[in-house]
Amino acid sequence: MTGLARTFYLFTGFHSFLLGLLPIFIPVILWDKGLSLNEIAYFIALTAVGFLFALYYWDRLRAQQAWSTLLSLSFVFQSLFVILLVWDELTLLVTIGALINGAAGCFYWSTQRLLFQAITEDKNTGNTFGNFQILVVAALKTGVLVGSYLLGMEYFIGVLSLSFIVSLFGFAAVNKSLQSLNIKDNNSSAELLKQVPAFSFKQVVTFKDTHHSKLIFAIDGLFLFLESYFWVLTIYMLTQENVMQLGLIIVGLSALLALIFLVIKKYIDRANVKLIYFVAVIGYAISWWLRGQFNQEMDGLILYAGLLLVAFLSNFFRLAFNKRFYDIARENQPTRYIICKSYYSQFMLILFFCAIGLLGLANTQPIEQLQIVYYLSIPFVFGYFLYGQKRNK
């Protein structure tokens, strides 16, 4: 493993554990604090606003190659948000907290994508993303196990203390790995981490390519946040709002998925890419239909089998999609492509979730509200078929 790859996996591993420790339970915590689904949708929209503001400054730090600053801020914003999550001050959480949550997401995901792009090559994106998935599963779900136990015991000081300790160790380990690269003396690492100037608003707005990327940027953020917020909340409701049971389900599903990806990750780069992607999109559409079928009266065995199927279809789609995403990014200016994806996705998140918040489905049961959202999202899935299809500029 190269030094740069080690830095990427350390950065991803520590952050994945921290995400599992508490932030993955954001929708559950907001729900338990009394927020409605409409209000949670507005929280997501405000989170996207925070992401956009942070992205402007992240891009300029990236252009200056201020790697230590980028790394430290990713941990600092994460820690600040954890404080607000455990602090019993709802107004502050859903306003300033949402903005900080967006900034934390920006500095983690944007830095992670940049490092991932640097360590992959044309023929290994599928295998590398498979390794990445397995690492995320292990670290994230370890965090979920610990976090769900501490939350179930209402030991909030323990969650806060552990989050701070892991953040400090994480930053120290990742920064040490980065410094050990000796970038000035290592032509390979220096070339991979070489950065282009920061991008202007005009360069972002005028972005275009022949792969329908703008369309994909617009819809992809919607599904990522539906999965990480509304779907997690759905599983929570299906477990009779038992946070420890929710944690065990997430961990159990992820362990099975890790075994699956361990088998298929080696073959994704050698398989018929178009066929794999086509099947993955169909499977992803089916996963959203299945989400709309879950209810609290389902038999336990059918429920858990359905959850496993949904998890597999979703993660298999992400494997196929991310291979295509990074392969297409490499054909363009990779950094600009990744940054434009973030700008377009976050802007559309504001529109999408404000629209969801305005739907006003307060007269229906929460599970039924979520089912309606899942069914309405299915047509958007088929937009993924256009990704990578050549068209004239």
Protein backbone atom coordinates (compact mmCIF):
# COMPACT_ATOMS: atom_id res chain seq x y z
CA MET A 1 0.00 0.00 0.00
CA THR A 2 1.36 3.43 -0.94
CA GLY A 3 1.75 6.19 1.62
CA LEU A 4 -1.02 8.19 -0.02
CA ALA A 5 -3.39 5.23 0.04
CA ARG A 6 -2.58 4.69 3.72
CA THR A 7 -3.44 8.34 4.41
CA PHE A 8 -6.76 7.94 2.59
CA TYR A 9 -7.75 4.79 4.48
CA LEU A 10 -6.75 6.26 7.85
CA PHE A 11 -8.75 9.42 7.14
CA THR A 12 -11.76 7.41 5.99
CA GLY A 13 -11.53 4.89 8.82
CA PHE A 14 -11.42 7.40 11.66
CA HIS A 15 -14.19 9.52 10.17
CA SER A 16 -16.36 6.49 9.49
CA PHE A 17 -16.10 5.47 13.15
CA LEU A 18 -17.01 9.01 14.23
CA LEU A 19 -19.98 9.08 11.85
CA GLY A 20 -21.23 5.79 13.25
CA LEU A 21 -20.73 6.92 16.84
CA LEU A 22 -23.40 9.63 16.69
CA PRO A 23 -24.03 11.53 13.40
CA ILE A 24 -25.59 8.47 11.74
CA PHE A 25 -28.32 8.79 14.38
CA ILE A 26 -29.06 12.44 13.49
CA PRO A 27 -32.57 11.73 12.13
CA VAL A 28 -33.35 9.55 15.17
CA ILE A 29 -32.17 12.23 17.59
CA LEU A 30 -34.14 14.95 15.77
CA TRP A 31 -37.24 12.72 15.76
CA ASP A 32 -36.90 11.95 19.48
CA LYS A 33 -36.55 15.69 20.18
CA GLY A 34 -40.01 16.18 18.67
CA LEU A 35 -39.32 17.32 15.12
CA SER A 36 -41.79 16.31 12.42
CA LEU A 37 -40.70 14.85 9.08
CA ASN A 38 -41.34 18.22 7.45
CA GLU A 39 -39.06 19.92 9.98
CA ILE A 40 -36.35 17.29 9.46
CA ALA A 41 -36.58 18.01 5.72
CA TYR A 42 -35.93 21.70 6.43
CA PHE A 43 -32.97 20.70 8.63
CA ILE A 44 -31.50 18.81 5.66
CA ALA A 45 -32.03 21.83 3.40
CA LEU A 46 -30.23 24.09 5.89
CA THR A 47 -27.45 21.50 6.13
CA ALA A 48 -27.00 21.84 2.36
CA VAL A 49 -26.73 25.62 2.77
CA GLY A 50 -23.93 25.10 5.29
CA PHE A 51 -22.21 22.68 2.89
CA LEU A 52 -22.28 25.24 0.06
CA PHE A 53 -20.80 28.03 2.18
CA ALA A 54 -18.08 25.71 3.49
CA LEU A 55 -17.31 24.39 0.00
CA TYR A 56 -16.29 27.87 -1.18
CA TYR A 57 -13.60 28.07 1.52
CA TRP A 58 -12.66 24.39 1.25
CA ASP A 59 -11.89 24.91 -2.44
CA ARG A 60 -9.53 27.78 -1.67
CA LEU A 61 -7.73 25.84 1.06
CA ARG A 62 -7.43 22.93 -1.38
CA ALA A 63 -5.88 25.20 -4.02
CA GLN A 64 -3.31 26.33 -1.43
CA GLN A 65 -2.60 22.65 -0.62
CA ALA A 66 -3.30 23.40 3.04
CA TRP A 67 -3.73 19.71 3.81
CA SER A 68 -3.26 19.95 7.58
CA THR A 69 -5.89 22.68 7.76
CA LEU A 70 -8.34 20.65 5.66
CA LEU A 71 -7.80 17.59 7.83
CA SER A 72 -8.06 19.44 11.14
CA LEU A 73 -11.23 21.33 10.16
CA SER A 74 -12.93 18.09 9.14
CA PHE A 75 -12.45 16.79 12.69
CA VAL A 76 -13.20 20.16 14.36
CA PHE A 77 -16.54 20.63 12.60
CA GLN A 78 -17.48 17.03 13.38
CA SER A 79 -16.73 17.55 17.07
CA LEU A 80 -18.65 20.85 17.24
CA PHE A 81 -21.70 19.20 15.73
CA VAL A 82 -21.51 16.31 18.22
CA ILE A 83 -21.58 18.87 21.07
CA LEU A 84 -24.76 20.40 19.67
CA LEU A 85 -26.35 16.96 19.18
CA VAL A 86 -25.98 16.02 22.83
CA TRP A 87 -26.67 19.53 24.17
CA ASP A 88 -30.34 19.95 25.06
CA GLU A 89 -30.89 23.12 23.00
CA LEU A 90 -33.15 22.34 20.04
CA THR A 91 -33.29 25.79 18.44
CA LEU A 92 -29.51 26.02 18.31
CA LEU A 93 -29.25 22.48 16.91
CA VAL A 94 -31.68 22.99 14.01
CA THR A 95 -30.14 26.34 13.00
CA ILE A 96 -26.43 26.74 13.76
CA GLY A 97 -26.13 22.97 14.17
CA ALA A 98 -27.49 22.31 10.69
CA LEU A 99 -24.97 24.74 9.18
CA ILE A 100 -22.09 23.14 11.10
CA ASN A 101 -23.32 19.71 10.03
CA GLY A 102 -23.08 20.89 6.42
CA ALA A 103 -19.57 22.22 6.96
CA ALA A 104 -18.50 18.93 8.58
CA GLY A 105 -19.90 16.99 5.62
CA CYS A 106 -18.15 19.29 3.17
CA PHE A 107 -14.70 19.02 4.73
CA TYR A 108 -14.96 15.25 5.13
CA TRP A 109 -16.60 14.16 1.87
CA SER A 110 -14.82 16.65 -0.39
CA THR A 111 -11.41 15.76 1.03
CA GLN A 112 -12.20 12.06 0.90
CA ARG A 113 -13.25 12.23 -2.77
CA LEU A 114 -10.11 14.15 -3.65
CA LEU A 115 -7.86 11.58 -1.98
CA PHE A 116 -9.83 8.68 -3.50
CA GLN A 117 -9.42 10.18 -6.97
CA ALA A 118 -5.67 10.48 -6.36
CA ILE A 119 -5.15 6.82 -5.41
CA THR A 120 -7.25 5.22 -8.16
CA GLU A 121 -6.38 4.37 -11.73
CA ASP A 122 -8.48 3.59 -14.81
CA LYS A 123 -8.53 -0.17 -14.20
CA ASN A 124 -8.97 -0.33 -10.44
CA THR A 125 -11.77 2.02 -9.40
CA GLY A 126 -14.18 -0.84 -8.74
CA ASN A 127 -11.70 -2.83 -6.65
CA THR A 128 -10.55 0.27 -4.75
CA PHE A 129 -14.12 1.30 -4.02
CA GLY A 130 -14.82 -2.25 -2.87
CA ASN A 131 -11.93 -1.99 -0.41
CA PHE A 132 -13.26 1.40 0.63
CA GLN A 133 -16.75 -0.07 1.21
CA ILE A 134 -15.34 -2.85 3.41
CA LEU A 135 -13.32 -0.35 5.47
CA VAL A 136 -16.32 1.94 5.88
CA VAL A 137 -18.49 -1.01 6.92
CA ALA A 138 -15.98 -2.12 9.57
CA ALA A 139 -15.25 1.33 11.03
CA LEU A 140 -18.74 2.81 10.66
CA LYS A 141 -20.50 -0.16 12.19
CA THR A 142 -18.07 -0.39 15.07
CA GLY A 143 -19.00 3.21 15.76
CA VAL A 144 -22.69 2.33 15.39
CA LEU A 145 -22.39 -0.51 17.92
CA VAL A 146 -20.69 1.71 20.48
CA GLY A 147 -22.89 4.72 19.73
CA SER A 148 -26.19 2.83 19.88
CA TYR A 149 -25.20 1.25 23.21
CA LEU A 150 -24.19 4.59 24.76
CA LEU A 151 -27.30 6.33 23.40
CA GLY A 152 -29.50 3.49 24.62
CA MET A 153 -27.99 3.96 28.08
CA GLU A 154 -28.36 7.75 27.67
CA TYR A 155 -24.66 8.10 28.49
CA PHE A 156 -24.18 11.28 26.51
CA ILE A 157 -21.00 12.38 28.28
CA GLY A 158 -19.43 9.07 27.24
CA VAL A 159 -20.38 9.66 23.60
CA LEU A 160 -18.98 13.19 23.73
CA SER A 161 -15.72 12.17 25.43
CA LEU A 162 -15.11 9.23 23.09
CA SER A 163 -15.81 11.43 20.06
CA PHE A 164 -13.22 13.99 21.18
CA ILE A 165 -10.59 11.35 21.95
CA VAL A 166 -11.04 9.58 18.60
CA SER A 167 -10.98 12.93 16.78
CA LEU A 168 -7.65 13.85 18.38
CA PHE A 169 -6.10 10.46 17.66
CA GLY A 170 -7.54 10.52 14.15
CA PHE A 171 -6.12 13.89 13.26
CA ALA A 172 -2.73 12.99 14.74
CA ALA A 173 -2.54 9.68 12.84
CA VAL A 174 -3.73 11.07 9.50
CA ASN A 175 -1.54 14.15 9.73
CA LYS A 176 1.50 12.03 10.63
CA SER A 177 0.83 9.77 7.64
CA LEU A 178 0.50 12.81 5.38
CA GLN A 179 3.73 14.36 6.67
CA SER A 180 5.58 11.07 6.22
CA LEU A 181 4.97 11.25 2.49
CA ASN A 182 7.71 13.88 2.23
CA ILE A 183 5.81 15.40 -0.65
CA LYS A 184 8.64 17.72 -1.63
CA ASP A 185 10.93 14.73 -2.15
CA ASN A 186 8.35 12.31 -3.49
CA ASN A 187 7.57 13.11 -7.13
CA SER A 188 4.81 10.53 -7.29
CA SER A 189 2.87 11.89 -4.31
CA ALA A 190 3.58 15.48 -5.28
CA GLU A 191 2.11 14.90 -8.73
CA LEU A 192 -0.96 13.10 -7.40
CA LEU A 193 -1.68 15.83 -4.84
CA LYS A 194 -0.88 18.75 -7.12
CA GLN A 195 -3.83 21.14 -7.10
CA VAL A 196 -5.32 23.45 -9.71
CA PRO A 197 -6.44 27.00 -8.76
CA ALA A 198 -9.74 27.51 -6.96
CA PHE A 199 -12.80 27.62 -9.20
CA SER A 200 -14.95 30.68 -9.73
CA PHE A 201 -18.74 30.73 -9.67
CA LYS A 202 -18.71 31.20 -13.43
CA GLN A 203 -16.60 28.07 -13.96
CA VAL A 204 -19.06 26.04 -11.91
CA VAL A 205 -22.18 27.40 -13.63
CA THR A 206 -20.74 26.92 -17.12
CA PHE A 207 -19.66 23.33 -16.50
CA LYS A 208 -20.84 20.90 -19.18
CA ASP A 209 -19.81 17.55 -20.60
CA THR A 210 -21.13 14.81 -22.86
CA HIS A 211 -22.22 12.41 -20.10
CA HIS A 212 -25.37 14.12 -18.72
CA SER A 213 -23.38 14.80 -15.55
CA LYS A 214 -25.38 17.88 -14.54
CA LEU A 215 -28.56 15.82 -14.40
CA ILE A 216 -26.87 13.16 -12.28
CA PHE A 217 -25.36 15.76 -9.96
CA ALA A 218 -28.84 17.18 -9.43
CA ILE A 219 -30.55 13.93 -8.46
CA ASP A 220 -27.77 12.01 -6.68
CA GLY A 221 -27.73 14.14 -3.54
CA LEU A 222 -31.45 13.53 -3.10
CA PHE A 223 -30.97 9.77 -2.86
CA LEU A 224 -27.92 9.98 -0.62
CA PHE A 225 -29.85 12.05 1.93
CA LEU A 226 -33.04 10.03 1.61
CA GLU A 227 -30.96 6.98 2.55
CA SER A 228 -28.98 8.57 5.37
CA TYR A 229 -31.91 10.41 6.97
CA PHE A 230 -35.36 9.15 6.01
CA TRP A 231 -34.43 5.49 5.51
CA VAL A 232 -32.56 5.33 8.83
CA LEU A 233 -35.63 6.89 10.45
CA THR A 234 -37.87 4.31 8.76
CA ILE A 235 -35.81 1.42 10.18
CA TYR A 236 -35.95 3.12 13.59
CA MET A 237 -39.76 3.21 13.42
CA LEU A 238 -39.87 -0.42 12.30
CA THR A 239 -37.87 -1.38 15.42
CA GLN A 240 -40.48 0.28 17.66
CA GLU A 241 -38.07 3.21 18.13
CA ASN A 242 -35.42 1.15 19.92
CA VAL A 243 -32.04 2.74 19.22
CA MET A 244 -30.02 -0.29 20.39
CA GLN A 245 -32.01 -2.61 18.12
CA LEU A 246 -31.53 -0.13 15.27
CA GLY A 247 -27.78 -0.25 15.82
CA LEU A 248 -27.71 -4.05 15.85
CA ILE A 249 -29.73 -4.22 12.61
CA ILE A 250 -27.41 -1.76 10.85
CA VAL A 251 -24.33 -3.68 12.02
CA GLY A 252 -25.77 -7.08 11.12
CA LEU A 253 -26.77 -5.97 7.63
CA SER A 254 -23.39 -4.35 7.08
CA ALA A 255 -21.46 -7.45 8.16
CA LEU A 256 -23.33 -9.53 5.56
CA LEU A 257 -22.76 -6.86 2.93
CA ALA A 258 -19.04 -6.78 3.72
CA LEU A 259 -18.81 -10.49 2.94
CA ILE A 260 -20.65 -9.95 -0.35
CA PHE A 261 -18.40 -7.08 -1.41
CA LEU A 262 -15.31 -9.05 -0.43
CA VAL A 263 -16.32 -11.56 -3.11
CA ILE A 264 -17.47 -9.24 -5.90
CA LYS A 265 -15.06 -6.31 -5.62
CA LYS A 266 -12.33 -8.11 -7.57
CA TYR A 267 -14.64 -8.76 -10.51
CA ILE A 268 -16.33 -5.37 -10.96
CA ASP A 269 -13.43 -3.96 -13.02
CA ARG A 270 -13.33 -7.01 -15.32
CA ALA A 271 -17.08 -7.43 -15.80
CA ASN A 272 -19.27 -6.00 -18.57
CA VAL A 273 -19.43 -2.47 -17.19
CA LYS A 274 -22.56 -1.42 -19.10
CA LEU A 275 -24.48 -4.53 -18.09
CA ILE A 276 -23.43 -4.20 -14.44
CA TYR A 277 -24.52 -0.57 -14.37
CA PHE A 278 -27.85 -1.31 -16.08
CA VAL A 279 -28.66 -4.09 -13.59
CA ALA A 280 -27.56 -1.88 -10.69
CA VAL A 281 -29.91 0.96 -11.68
CA ILE A 282 -32.86 -1.44 -12.08
CA GLY A 283 -32.03 -2.92 -8.68
CA TYR A 284 -31.83 0.54 -7.15
CA ALA A 285 -35.30 1.43 -8.46
CA ILE A 286 -36.63 -1.83 -6.99
CA SER A 287 -35.02 -0.95 -3.65
CA TRP A 288 -37.06 2.25 -3.43
CA TRP A 289 -40.25 0.37 -4.27
CA LEU A 290 -39.40 -2.14 -1.54
CA ARG A 291 -38.84 0.67 0.95
CA GLY A 292 -42.42 1.74 0.33
CA GLN A 293 -43.66 -1.76 1.26
CA PHE A 294 -42.32 -1.88 4.81
CA ASN A 295 -44.73 -1.44 7.69
CA GLN A 296 -44.83 -2.20 11.40
CA GLU A 297 -47.10 -5.24 10.97
CA MET A 298 -44.61 -7.22 8.86
CA ASP A 299 -43.37 -10.62 10.02
CA GLY A 300 -39.90 -10.38 11.55
CA LEU A 301 -38.21 -12.80 9.13
CA ILE A 302 -39.69 -11.06 6.08
CA LEU A 303 -38.72 -7.68 7.51
CA TYR A 304 -35.06 -8.58 8.06
CA ALA A 305 -34.78 -10.37 4.71
CA GLY A 306 -36.27 -7.30 3.02
CA LEU A 307 -33.88 -4.97 4.82
CA LEU A 308 -30.92 -7.09 3.68
CA LEU A 309 -32.15 -7.06 0.07
CA VAL A 310 -32.63 -3.28 0.12
CA ALA A 311 -29.16 -2.81 1.62
CA PHE A 312 -27.56 -5.05 -1.00
CA LEU A 313 -29.33 -3.40 -3.95
CA SER A 314 -28.41 0.06 -2.69
CA ASN A 315 -24.77 -0.75 -2.01
CA PHE A 316 -24.36 -2.64 -5.28
CA PHE A 317 -25.71 0.40 -7.10
CA ARG A 318 -23.26 2.64 -5.24
CA LEU A 319 -20.38 0.35 -6.25
CA ALA A 320 -21.38 0.51 -9.94
CA PHE A 321 -22.21 4.21 -9.83
CA ASN A 322 -18.99 5.27 -8.10
CA LYS A 323 -16.91 3.29 -10.59
CA ARG A 324 -18.62 5.16 -13.42
CA PHE A 325 -18.38 8.49 -11.58
CA TYR A 326 -14.63 8.33 -10.97
CA ASP A 327 -13.90 6.93 -14.44
CA ILE A 328 -15.81 9.83 -16.03
CA ALA A 329 -14.19 12.33 -13.65
CA ARG A 330 -10.77 11.14 -14.82
CA GLU A 331 -11.71 11.97 -18.43
CA ASN A 332 -12.38 15.59 -17.43
CA GLN A 333 -10.62 17.82 -14.93
CA PRO A 334 -11.12 15.51 -11.92
CA THR A 335 -11.01 18.23 -9.28
CA ARG A 336 -13.42 20.51 -11.12
CA TYR A 337 -15.72 17.58 -11.78
CA ILE A 338 -15.85 16.60 -8.09
CA ILE A 339 -16.39 20.19 -6.94
CA CYS A 340 -19.11 20.85 -9.53
CA LYS A 341 -20.85 17.67 -8.38
CA SER A 342 -20.94 19.01 -4.84
CA TYR A 343 -22.22 22.45 -5.84
CA TYR A 344 -25.03 21.11 -8.03
CA SER A 345 -26.02 18.33 -5.61
CA GLN A 346 -26.20 20.62 -2.58
CA PHE A 347 -28.13 23.33 -4.42
CA MET A 348 -30.70 20.79 -5.57
CA LEU A 349 -30.90 19.36 -2.05
CA ILE A 350 -32.10 22.75 -0.86
CA LEU A 351 -34.86 22.74 -3.50
CA PHE A 352 -35.81 19.06 -3.06
CA PHE A 353 -36.07 19.04 0.72
CA CYS A 354 -37.76 22.42 0.93
CA ALA A 355 -40.33 20.95 -1.46
CA ILE A 356 -40.66 17.84 0.74
CA GLY A 357 -41.08 20.08 3.77
CA LEU A 358 -43.83 22.02 2.01
CA LEU A 359 -45.79 18.88 1.09
CA GLY A 360 -47.56 19.14 4.43
CA LEU A 361 -48.32 15.45 4.97
CA ALA A 362 -48.98 15.96 8.67
CA ASN A 363 -52.38 14.27 8.50
CA THR A 364 -50.91 10.87 7.64
CA GLN A 365 -48.90 8.44 9.76
CA PRO A 366 -45.07 8.90 9.67
CA ILE A 367 -44.45 5.54 7.93
CA GLU A 368 -47.06 6.43 5.31
CA GLN A 369 -45.46 9.86 4.80
CA LEU A 370 -42.11 8.21 4.15
CA GLN A 371 -43.68 5.65 1.81
CA ILE A 372 -45.12 8.48 -0.31
CA VAL A 373 -41.67 10.11 -0.54
CA TYR A 374 -40.08 6.78 -1.58
CA TYR A 375 -42.67 6.15 -4.31
CA LEU A 376 -42.30 9.69 -5.66
CA SER A 377 -38.52 9.27 -5.85
CA ILE A 378 -38.63 6.17 -8.08
CA PRO A 379 -38.99 8.03 -11.43
CA PHE A 380 -35.85 10.02 -10.62
CA VAL A 381 -33.85 6.78 -10.37
CA PHE A 382 -34.24 6.18 -14.10
CA GLY A 383 -32.32 9.38 -14.78
CA TYR A 384 -29.21 7.40 -13.85
CA PHE A 385 -29.58 5.46 -17.12
CA LEU A 386 -28.42 8.57 -18.98
CA TYR A 387 -25.16 8.78 -17.04
CA GLY A 388 -22.24 8.00 -19.31
CA GLN A 389 -24.39 8.01 -22.46
CA LYS A 390 -22.54 10.14 -24.98
CA ARG A 391 -24.30 13.18 -26.38
CA ASN A 392 -23.20 16.23 -28.33
CA LYS A 393 -22.12 19.20 -26.26
